[in-house]
Amino acid sequence: MAKDRKKTPQGTPRTAVPKVPPPSKGAVIALRVLLILGVVGYLAWKHRPKPKVVPVATASSTQPPAVALGGPVQAYPGQDFNFTIGGIKTKRGFTGWGAKPLKDQSITGVELKIKDKVYAHGIGTQAPSEIVLALDGKVSRFSCLAGVDVQAGNVGSLSFLVMADDKKLYASPVMTMNDAPVPISVDVRGAKELRLIVDPNGANDWDQADWVDLKFQK
C-alpha cells in the first residue's frame, strides 16, 4: 500500500513561500539621499528669514502740535530762494532735506503728485519746512491744496499749517500719501507775510510735501 502524501492540517499540500529579493544598493542610496534632502529642506524653511512688514500710516483727526513761532524763519546754508508764484514773490524759507523748496516740481525734482493726481503748479518741499511769501497787505484771501507727495511712500506722515504773520489760520490733521489733498481757504486781509509750514510730527523721513494750485485774491 502506497504511503499517503504529507498534508497540512487543512488537508492541502504544502507550497513554498517565494522569497522577496532585498532592495538594490542603488535604491538604498537614492532613498537615503531623498531623506537627507527632505530634512535639509525642512530646516531651511523653518529657519528662513521673516519678511519685514512696513506699517501703513493712516490719517488722524487730531490737530498737529504747534510749531514754534517768533523770530526769523530758519534757513540752512544755500537755501535762499526767490521765485514768484501766483503773482506773489517768495521771501525766504527752508526745508528739512537740505535743499531749496522747488517751484512746479517735488523736492526730488519730479512732478508734483498727490495721491493719484498730478499738478502742474505748486511748491515741493520736505518737512520740517517753512515758506514765507510777501503779501504786503495786498491780498484778501489765499487758497490752495496741500498734501503728501507720493514720493514719500508709506513712511511719510505730516501736517500743514498756514499763518498770516504770527496768527495761525489753518492746521490740517496728520496726513499720509494715502490721503487726498486738503483744500485750504483763509482770510489774509491786512497780512504782510503768508507762512506755509509743514510739520513732520516727529521723524522727518521722507516727509515730502506739496502745496499746489496756490491762488491769491487781491
C-alpha atoms as a PDB file:
ATOM      1  CA  MET A   1       0.000   0.000   0.000  1.00  0.00           C
ATOM      2  CA  ALA A   2       1.466   3.369  -1.106  1.00  0.00           C
ATOM      3  CA  LYS A   3       2.302   5.899   1.574  1.00  0.00           C
ATOM      4  CA  ASP A   4      -0.020   8.860   1.710  1.00  0.00           C
ATOM      5  CA  ARG A   5       1.467  12.326   0.749  1.00  0.00           C
ATOM      6  CA  LYS A   6       2.025  14.643   3.760  1.00  0.00           C
ATOM      7  CA  LYS A   7      -0.718  17.155   4.117  1.00  0.00           C
ATOM      8  CA  THR A   8      -1.209  20.339   6.061  1.00  0.00           C
ATOM      9  CA  PRO A   9      -3.713  20.433   8.923  1.00  0.00           C
ATOM     10  CA  GLN A  10      -6.246  21.777   6.456  1.00  0.00           C
ATOM     11  CA  GLY A  11      -5.566  18.872   4.177  1.00  0.00           C
ATOM     12  CA  THR A  12      -3.853  20.813   1.346  1.00  0.00           C
ATOM     13  CA  PRO A  13      -0.370  20.188   0.038  1.00  0.00           C
ATOM     14  CA  ARG A  14       2.439  22.384   1.369  1.00  0.00           C
ATOM     15  CA  THR A  15       3.611  25.142  -1.025  1.00  0.00           C
ATOM     16  CA  ALA A  16       6.931  27.054  -0.886  1.00  0.00           C
ATOM     17  CA  VAL A  17       6.795  30.799   0.124  1.00  0.00           C
ATOM     18  CA  PRO A  18       8.580  32.913  -2.521  1.00  0.00           C
ATOM     19  CA  LYS A  19      11.466  34.941  -1.182  1.00  0.00           C
ATOM     20  CA  VAL A  20      11.382  38.759  -1.775  1.00  0.00           C
ATOM     21  CA  PRO A  21      14.757  39.923  -3.059  1.00  0.00           C
ATOM     22  CA  PRO A  22      16.399  42.690  -0.945  1.00  0.00           C
ATOM     23  CA  PRO A  23      16.435  46.252  -2.425  1.00  0.00           C
ATOM     24  CA  SER A  24      19.365  47.043  -4.615  1.00  0.00           C
ATOM     25  CA  LYS A  25      22.254  49.107  -3.346  1.00  0.00           C
ATOM     26  CA  GLY A  26      21.342  51.952  -5.728  1.00  0.00           C
ATOM     27  CA  ALA A  27      17.774  52.114  -4.425  1.00  0.00           C
ATOM     28  CA  VAL A  28      19.003  52.316  -0.826  1.00  0.00           C
ATOM     29  CA  ILE A  29      21.365  55.161  -1.681  1.00  0.00           C
ATOM     30  CA  ALA A  30      18.611  57.059  -3.542  1.00  0.00           C
ATOM     31  CA  LEU A  31      16.245  56.663  -0.590  1.00  0.00           C
ATOM     32  CA  ARG A  32      18.866  57.998   1.822  1.00  0.00           C
ATOM     33  CA  VAL A  33      19.585  60.998  -0.438  1.00  0.00           C
ATOM     34  CA  LEU A  34      15.866  61.842  -0.642  1.00  0.00           C
ATOM     35  CA  LEU A  35      15.580  61.596   3.148  1.00  0.00           C
ATOM     36  CA  ILE A  36      18.563  63.915   3.667  1.00  0.00           C
ATOM     37  CA  LEU A  37      17.230  66.436   1.147  1.00  0.00           C
ATOM     38  CA  GLY A  38      13.860  66.402   2.859  1.00  0.00           C
ATOM     39  CA  VAL A  39      15.412  67.109   6.266  1.00  0.00           C
ATOM     40  CA  VAL A  40      17.623  69.884   4.864  1.00  0.00           C
ATOM     41  CA  GLY A  41      14.660  71.465   3.082  1.00  0.00           C
ATOM     42  CA  TYR A  42      12.525  71.427   6.229  1.00  0.00           C
ATOM     43  CA  LEU A  43      15.293  73.017   8.332  1.00  0.00           C
ATOM     44  CA  ALA A  44      15.853  75.707   5.695  1.00  0.00           C
ATOM     45  CA  TRP A  45      12.119  76.507   5.611  1.00  0.00           C
ATOM     46  CA  LYS A  46      11.856  76.579   9.405  1.00  0.00           C
ATOM     47  CA  HIS A  47      14.783  78.973   9.810  1.00  0.00           C
ATOM     48  CA  ARG A  48      14.009  81.191   6.793  1.00  0.00           C
ATOM     49  CA  PRO A  49      14.264  84.966   7.432  1.00  0.00           C
ATOM     50  CA  LYS A  50      10.927  86.544   8.259  1.00  0.00           C
ATOM     51  CA  PRO A  51       9.832  89.351   5.874  1.00  0.00           C
ATOM     52  CA  LYS A  52       9.795  92.847   7.342  1.00  0.00           C
ATOM     53  CA  VAL A  53       6.363  94.411   7.494  1.00  0.00           C
ATOM     54  CA  VAL A  54       6.253  98.153   6.882  1.00  0.00           C
ATOM     55  CA  PRO A  55       3.243  99.611   8.675  1.00  0.00           C
ATOM     56  CA  VAL A  56       0.990 101.813   6.570  1.00  0.00           C
ATOM     57  CA  ALA A  57       0.194 105.039   8.389  1.00  0.00           C
ATOM     58  CA  THR A  58      -3.379 106.230   8.474  1.00  0.00           C
ATOM     59  CA  ALA A  59      -4.691 109.728   8.727  1.00  0.00           C
ATOM     60  CA  SER A  60      -5.666 111.053  12.125  1.00  0.00           C
ATOM     61  CA  SER A  61      -8.204 113.679  13.040  1.00  0.00           C
ATOM     62  CA  THR A  62      -6.101 115.063  15.891  1.00  0.00           C
ATOM     63  CA  GLN A  63      -4.647 118.516  15.482  1.00  0.00           C
ATOM     64  CA  PRO A  64      -0.873 118.687  14.963  1.00  0.00           C
ATOM     65  CA  PRO A  65       1.368 120.091  17.682  1.00  0.00           C
ATOM     66  CA  ALA A  66       2.065 123.796  17.467  1.00  0.00           C
ATOM     67  CA  VAL A  67       5.124 124.946  15.548  1.00  0.00           C
ATOM     68  CA  ALA A  68       7.418 127.298  17.437  1.00  0.00           C
ATOM     69  CA  LEU A  69       6.691 130.892  16.445  1.00  0.00           C
ATOM     70  CA  GLY A  70       8.561 134.115  16.629  1.00  0.00           C
ATOM     71  CA  GLY A  71      11.866 135.266  15.211  1.00  0.00           C
ATOM     72  CA  PRO A  72      13.100 134.982  11.637  1.00  0.00           C
ATOM     73  CA  VAL A  73      12.414 131.851   9.607  1.00  0.00           C
ATOM     74  CA  GLN A  74      15.262 129.378   9.898  1.00  0.00           C
ATOM     75  CA  ALA A  75      17.384 128.940   6.770  1.00  0.00           C
ATOM     76  CA  TYR A  76      20.050 126.331   6.137  1.00  0.00           C
ATOM     77  CA  PRO A  77      23.198 127.316   4.178  1.00  0.00           C
ATOM     78  CA  GLY A  78      22.479 127.716   0.483  1.00  0.00           C
ATOM     79  CA  GLN A  79      18.730 127.645   0.917  1.00  0.00           C
ATOM     80  CA  ASP A  80      17.907 131.221  -0.038  1.00  0.00           C
ATOM     81  CA  PHE A  81      15.422 131.071  -2.880  1.00  0.00           C
ATOM     82  CA  ASN A  82      13.472 133.599  -4.853  1.00  0.00           C
ATOM     83  CA  PHE A  83      10.645 132.987  -7.287  1.00  0.00           C
ATOM     84  CA  THR A  84       7.140 134.248  -7.976  1.00  0.00           C
ATOM     85  CA  ILE A  85       4.075 132.019  -7.754  1.00  0.00           C
ATOM     86  CA  GLY A  86       0.531 133.188  -8.433  1.00  0.00           C
ATOM     87  CA  GLY A  87       1.864 136.716  -8.808  1.00  0.00           C
ATOM     88  CA  ILE A  88       3.337 136.678  -5.269  1.00  0.00           C
ATOM     89  CA  LYS A  89       7.063 136.688  -4.509  1.00  0.00           C
ATOM     90  CA  THR A  90       8.653 134.256  -2.068  1.00  0.00           C
ATOM     91  CA  LYS A  91      10.812 135.898   0.580  1.00  0.00           C
ATOM     92  CA  ARG A  92      12.635 133.137   2.447  1.00  0.00           C
ATOM     93  CA  GLY A  93      12.247 129.615   3.758  1.00  0.00           C
ATOM     94  CA  PHE A  94      13.854 126.265   4.395  1.00  0.00           C
ATOM     95  CA  THR A  95      13.342 122.535   4.024  1.00  0.00           C
ATOM     96  CA  GLY A  96      14.418 119.701   6.299  1.00  0.00           C
ATOM     97  CA  TRP A  97      16.210 117.893   3.473  1.00  0.00           C
ATOM     98  CA  GLY A  98      18.974 120.440   2.954  1.00  0.00           C
ATOM     99  CA  ALA A  99      17.556 121.570  -0.383  1.00  0.00           C
ATOM    100  CA  LYS A 100      15.577 124.548  -1.605  1.00  0.00           C
ATOM    101  CA  PRO A 101      11.812 124.391  -1.993  1.00  0.00           C
ATOM    102  CA  LEU A 102      11.134 123.903  -5.691  1.00  0.00           C
ATOM    103  CA  LYS A 103       8.597 125.608  -7.927  1.00  0.00           C
ATOM    104  CA  ASP A 104       6.300 123.377 -10.020  1.00  0.00           C
ATOM    105  CA  GLN A 105       8.099 120.167  -9.018  1.00  0.00           C
ATOM    106  CA  SER A 106       8.517 117.954  -5.983  1.00  0.00           C
ATOM    107  CA  ILE A 107      11.527 118.276  -3.690  1.00  0.00           C
ATOM    108  CA  THR A 108      13.121 115.362  -5.568  1.00  0.00           C
ATOM    109  CA  GLY A 109      12.811 117.206  -8.881  1.00  0.00           C
ATOM    110  CA  VAL A 110       9.937 115.225 -10.403  1.00  0.00           C
ATOM    111  CA  GLU A 111       6.277 116.082 -10.990  1.00  0.00           C
ATOM    112  CA  LEU A 112       4.037 117.210  -8.148  1.00  0.00           C
ATOM    113  CA  LYS A 113       1.759 114.256  -7.421  1.00  0.00           C
ATOM    114  CA  ILE A 114      -0.641 113.853  -4.515  1.00  0.00           C
ATOM    115  CA  LYS A 115      -2.476 110.527  -4.225  1.00  0.00           C
ATOM    116  CA  ASP A 116      -3.396 109.713  -7.845  1.00  0.00           C
ATOM    117  CA  LYS A 117      -3.330 113.211  -9.403  1.00  0.00           C
ATOM    118  CA  VAL A 118      -0.504 115.220 -10.964  1.00  0.00           C
ATOM    119  CA  TYR A 119      -0.452 119.020 -10.515  1.00  0.00           C
ATOM    120  CA  ALA A 120       1.273 121.392 -12.902  1.00  0.00           C
ATOM    121  CA  HIS A 121       1.771 124.301 -10.490  1.00  0.00           C
ATOM    122  CA  GLY A 122       2.824 124.470  -6.866  1.00  0.00           C
ATOM    123  CA  ILE A 123       5.754 124.179  -4.465  1.00  0.00           C
ATOM    124  CA  GLY A 124       7.515 120.966  -3.458  1.00  0.00           C
ATOM    125  CA  THR A 125       9.248 120.798  -0.092  1.00  0.00           C
ATOM    126  CA  GLN A 126      10.330 118.471   2.736  1.00  0.00           C
ATOM    127  CA  ALA A 127       9.271 118.683   6.391  1.00  0.00           C
ATOM    128  CA  PRO A 128      10.158 120.427   8.564  1.00  0.00           C
ATOM    129  CA  SER A 129       9.607 123.332   6.244  1.00  0.00           C
ATOM    130  CA  GLU A 130       8.500 126.926   6.235  1.00  0.00           C
ATOM    131  CA  ILE A 131       7.958 129.095   3.168  1.00  0.00           C
ATOM    132  CA  VAL A 132       7.264 132.821   3.508  1.00  0.00           C
ATOM    133  CA  LEU A 133       5.532 134.830   0.783  1.00  0.00           C
ATOM    134  CA  ALA A 134       5.254 138.616   0.647  1.00  0.00           C
ATOM    135  CA  LEU A 135       1.604 139.701   0.729  1.00  0.00           C
ATOM    136  CA  ASP A 136       2.323 143.287   1.810  1.00  0.00           C
ATOM    137  CA  GLY A 137      -1.327 143.819   2.745  1.00  0.00           C
ATOM    138  CA  LYS A 138      -2.428 143.485  -0.899  1.00  0.00           C
ATOM    139  CA  VAL A 139      -4.165 140.073  -0.699  1.00  0.00           C
ATOM    140  CA  SER A 140      -7.569 139.413   0.869  1.00  0.00           C
ATOM    141  CA  ARG A 141      -7.846 135.614   0.534  1.00  0.00           C
ATOM    142  CA  PHE A 142      -5.438 132.735  -0.018  1.00  0.00           C
ATOM    143  CA  SER A 143      -6.445 129.262  -1.207  1.00  0.00           C
ATOM    144  CA  CYS A 144      -4.600 126.098  -2.216  1.00  0.00           C
ATOM    145  CA  LEU A 145      -4.460 122.321  -1.907  1.00  0.00           C
ATOM    146  CA  ALA A 146      -1.903 120.661   0.361  1.00  0.00           C
ATOM    147  CA  GLY A 147      -0.898 117.027   0.633  1.00  0.00           C
ATOM    148  CA  VAL A 148       1.812 114.394   0.966  1.00  0.00           C
ATOM    149  CA  ASP A 149       3.720 113.729  -2.249  1.00  0.00           C
ATOM    150  CA  VAL A 150       3.576 110.116  -3.450  1.00  0.00           C
ATOM    151  CA  GLN A 151       7.398 110.024  -3.328  1.00  0.00           C
ATOM    152  CA  ALA A 152       7.035 109.850   0.472  1.00  0.00           C
ATOM    153  CA  GLY A 153       5.776 106.249   0.207  1.00  0.00           C
ATOM    154  CA  ASN A 154       4.265 104.667   3.320  1.00  0.00           C
ATOM    155  CA  VAL A 155       6.815 106.335   5.587  1.00  0.00           C
ATOM    156  CA  GLY A 156       5.856 109.990   5.463  1.00  0.00           C
ATOM    157  CA  SER A 157       3.298 111.483   7.849  1.00  0.00           C
ATOM    158  CA  LEU A 158       2.957 115.217   8.332  1.00  0.00           C
ATOM    159  CA  SER A 159       0.589 118.133   8.790  1.00  0.00           C
ATOM    160  CA  PHE A 160       0.191 121.549   7.187  1.00  0.00           C
ATOM    161  CA  LEU A 161      -0.193 124.934   8.847  1.00  0.00           C
ATOM    162  CA  VAL A 162      -0.984 128.322   7.339  1.00  0.00           C
ATOM    163  CA  MET A 163      -0.189 131.545   9.173  1.00  0.00           C
ATOM    164  CA  ALA A 164      -0.657 135.214   8.368  1.00  0.00           C
ATOM    165  CA  ASP A 165       2.202 136.998  10.116  1.00  0.00           C
ATOM    166  CA  ASP A 166       2.090 135.354  13.594  1.00  0.00           C
ATOM    167  CA  LYS A 167      -1.577 134.319  13.510  1.00  0.00           C
ATOM    168  CA  LYS A 168      -2.409 130.666  12.822  1.00  0.00           C
ATOM    169  CA  LEU A 169      -5.267 130.429  10.333  1.00  0.00           C
ATOM    170  CA  TYR A 170      -5.329 126.737   9.483  1.00  0.00           C
ATOM    171  CA  ALA A 171      -3.939 123.413  10.775  1.00  0.00           C
ATOM    172  CA  SER A 172      -4.542 120.134   8.963  1.00  0.00           C
ATOM    173  CA  PRO A 173      -4.853 116.684  10.529  1.00  0.00           C
ATOM    174  CA  VAL A 174      -1.877 114.323  10.289  1.00  0.00           C
ATOM    175  CA  MET A 175      -1.712 113.113   6.683  1.00  0.00           C
ATOM    176  CA  THR A 176      -0.050 110.348   4.659  1.00  0.00           C
ATOM    177  CA  MET A 177       0.302 109.555   0.964  1.00  0.00           C
ATOM    178  CA  ASN A 178      -2.998 107.658   1.171  1.00  0.00           C
ATOM    179  CA  ASP A 179      -4.921 110.884   1.842  1.00  0.00           C
ATOM    180  CA  ALA A 180      -6.363 113.201  -0.773  1.00  0.00           C
ATOM    181  CA  PRO A 181      -5.067 116.792  -0.557  1.00  0.00           C
ATOM    182  CA  VAL A 182      -6.826 119.098   1.886  1.00  0.00           C
ATOM    183  CA  PRO A 183      -8.458 122.256   0.484  1.00  0.00           C
ATOM    184  CA  ILE A 184      -7.374 125.425   2.267  1.00  0.00           C
ATOM    185  CA  SER A 185      -9.040 128.839   2.012  1.00  0.00           C
ATOM    186  CA  VAL A 186      -8.236 131.560   4.550  1.00  0.00           C
ATOM    187  CA  ASP A 187      -8.832 135.273   5.014  1.00  0.00           C
ATOM    188  CA  VAL A 188      -5.477 137.106   4.935  1.00  0.00           C
ATOM    189  CA  ARG A 189      -6.624 140.715   4.741  1.00  0.00           C
ATOM    190  CA  GLY A 190      -4.005 143.107   6.065  1.00  0.00           C
ATOM    191  CA  ALA A 191      -1.298 140.438   6.418  1.00  0.00           C
ATOM    192  CA  LYS A 192       2.243 141.340   5.418  1.00  0.00           C
ATOM    193  CA  GLU A 193       3.550 137.768   5.216  1.00  0.00           C
ATOM    194  CA  LEU A 194       1.985 134.404   4.471  1.00  0.00           C
ATOM    195  CA  ARG A 195       3.744 131.488   6.161  1.00  0.00           C
ATOM    196  CA  LEU A 196       3.298 127.954   4.784  1.00  0.00           C
ATOM    197  CA  ILE A 197       4.541 125.472   7.387  1.00  0.00           C
ATOM    198  CA  VAL A 198       4.930 121.692   7.170  1.00  0.00           C
ATOM    199  CA  ASP A 199       5.272 119.855  10.489  1.00  0.00           C
ATOM    200  CA  PRO A 200       6.910 116.366  10.368  1.00  0.00           C
ATOM    201  CA  ASN A 201       5.162 115.178  13.551  1.00  0.00           C
ATOM    202  CA  GLY A 202       8.333 113.548  14.854  1.00  0.00           C
ATOM    203  CA  ALA A 203      10.773 111.863  12.476  1.00  0.00           C
ATOM    204  CA  ASN A 204      11.075 113.608   9.112  1.00  0.00           C
ATOM    205  CA  ASP A 205      11.996 110.570   7.000  1.00  0.00           C
ATOM    206  CA  TRP A 206      10.568 111.014   3.502  1.00  0.00           C
ATOM    207  CA  ASP A 207       8.116 113.683   4.697  1.00  0.00           C
ATOM    208  CA  GLN A 208       7.743 115.181   1.227  1.00  0.00           C
ATOM    209  CA  ALA A 209       5.003 117.783   0.962  1.00  0.00           C
ATOM    210  CA  ASP A 210       3.322 119.684  -1.865  1.00  0.00           C
ATOM    211  CA  TRP A 211       1.466 122.991  -1.855  1.00  0.00           C
ATOM    212  CA  VAL A 212      -0.431 123.118  -5.169  1.00  0.00           C
ATOM    213  CA  ASP A 213      -2.884 125.351  -7.055  1.00  0.00           C
ATOM    214  CA  LEU A 214      -1.961 128.397  -4.970  1.00  0.00           C
ATOM    215  CA  LYS A 215      -4.355 131.330  -5.558  1.00  0.00           C
ATOM    216  CA  PHE A 216      -4.182 134.877  -4.181  1.00  0.00           C
ATOM    217  CA  GLN A 217      -7.268 137.078  -4.326  1.00  0.00           C
ATOM    218  CA  LYS A 218      -6.240 140.729  -4.403  1.00  0.00           C
END
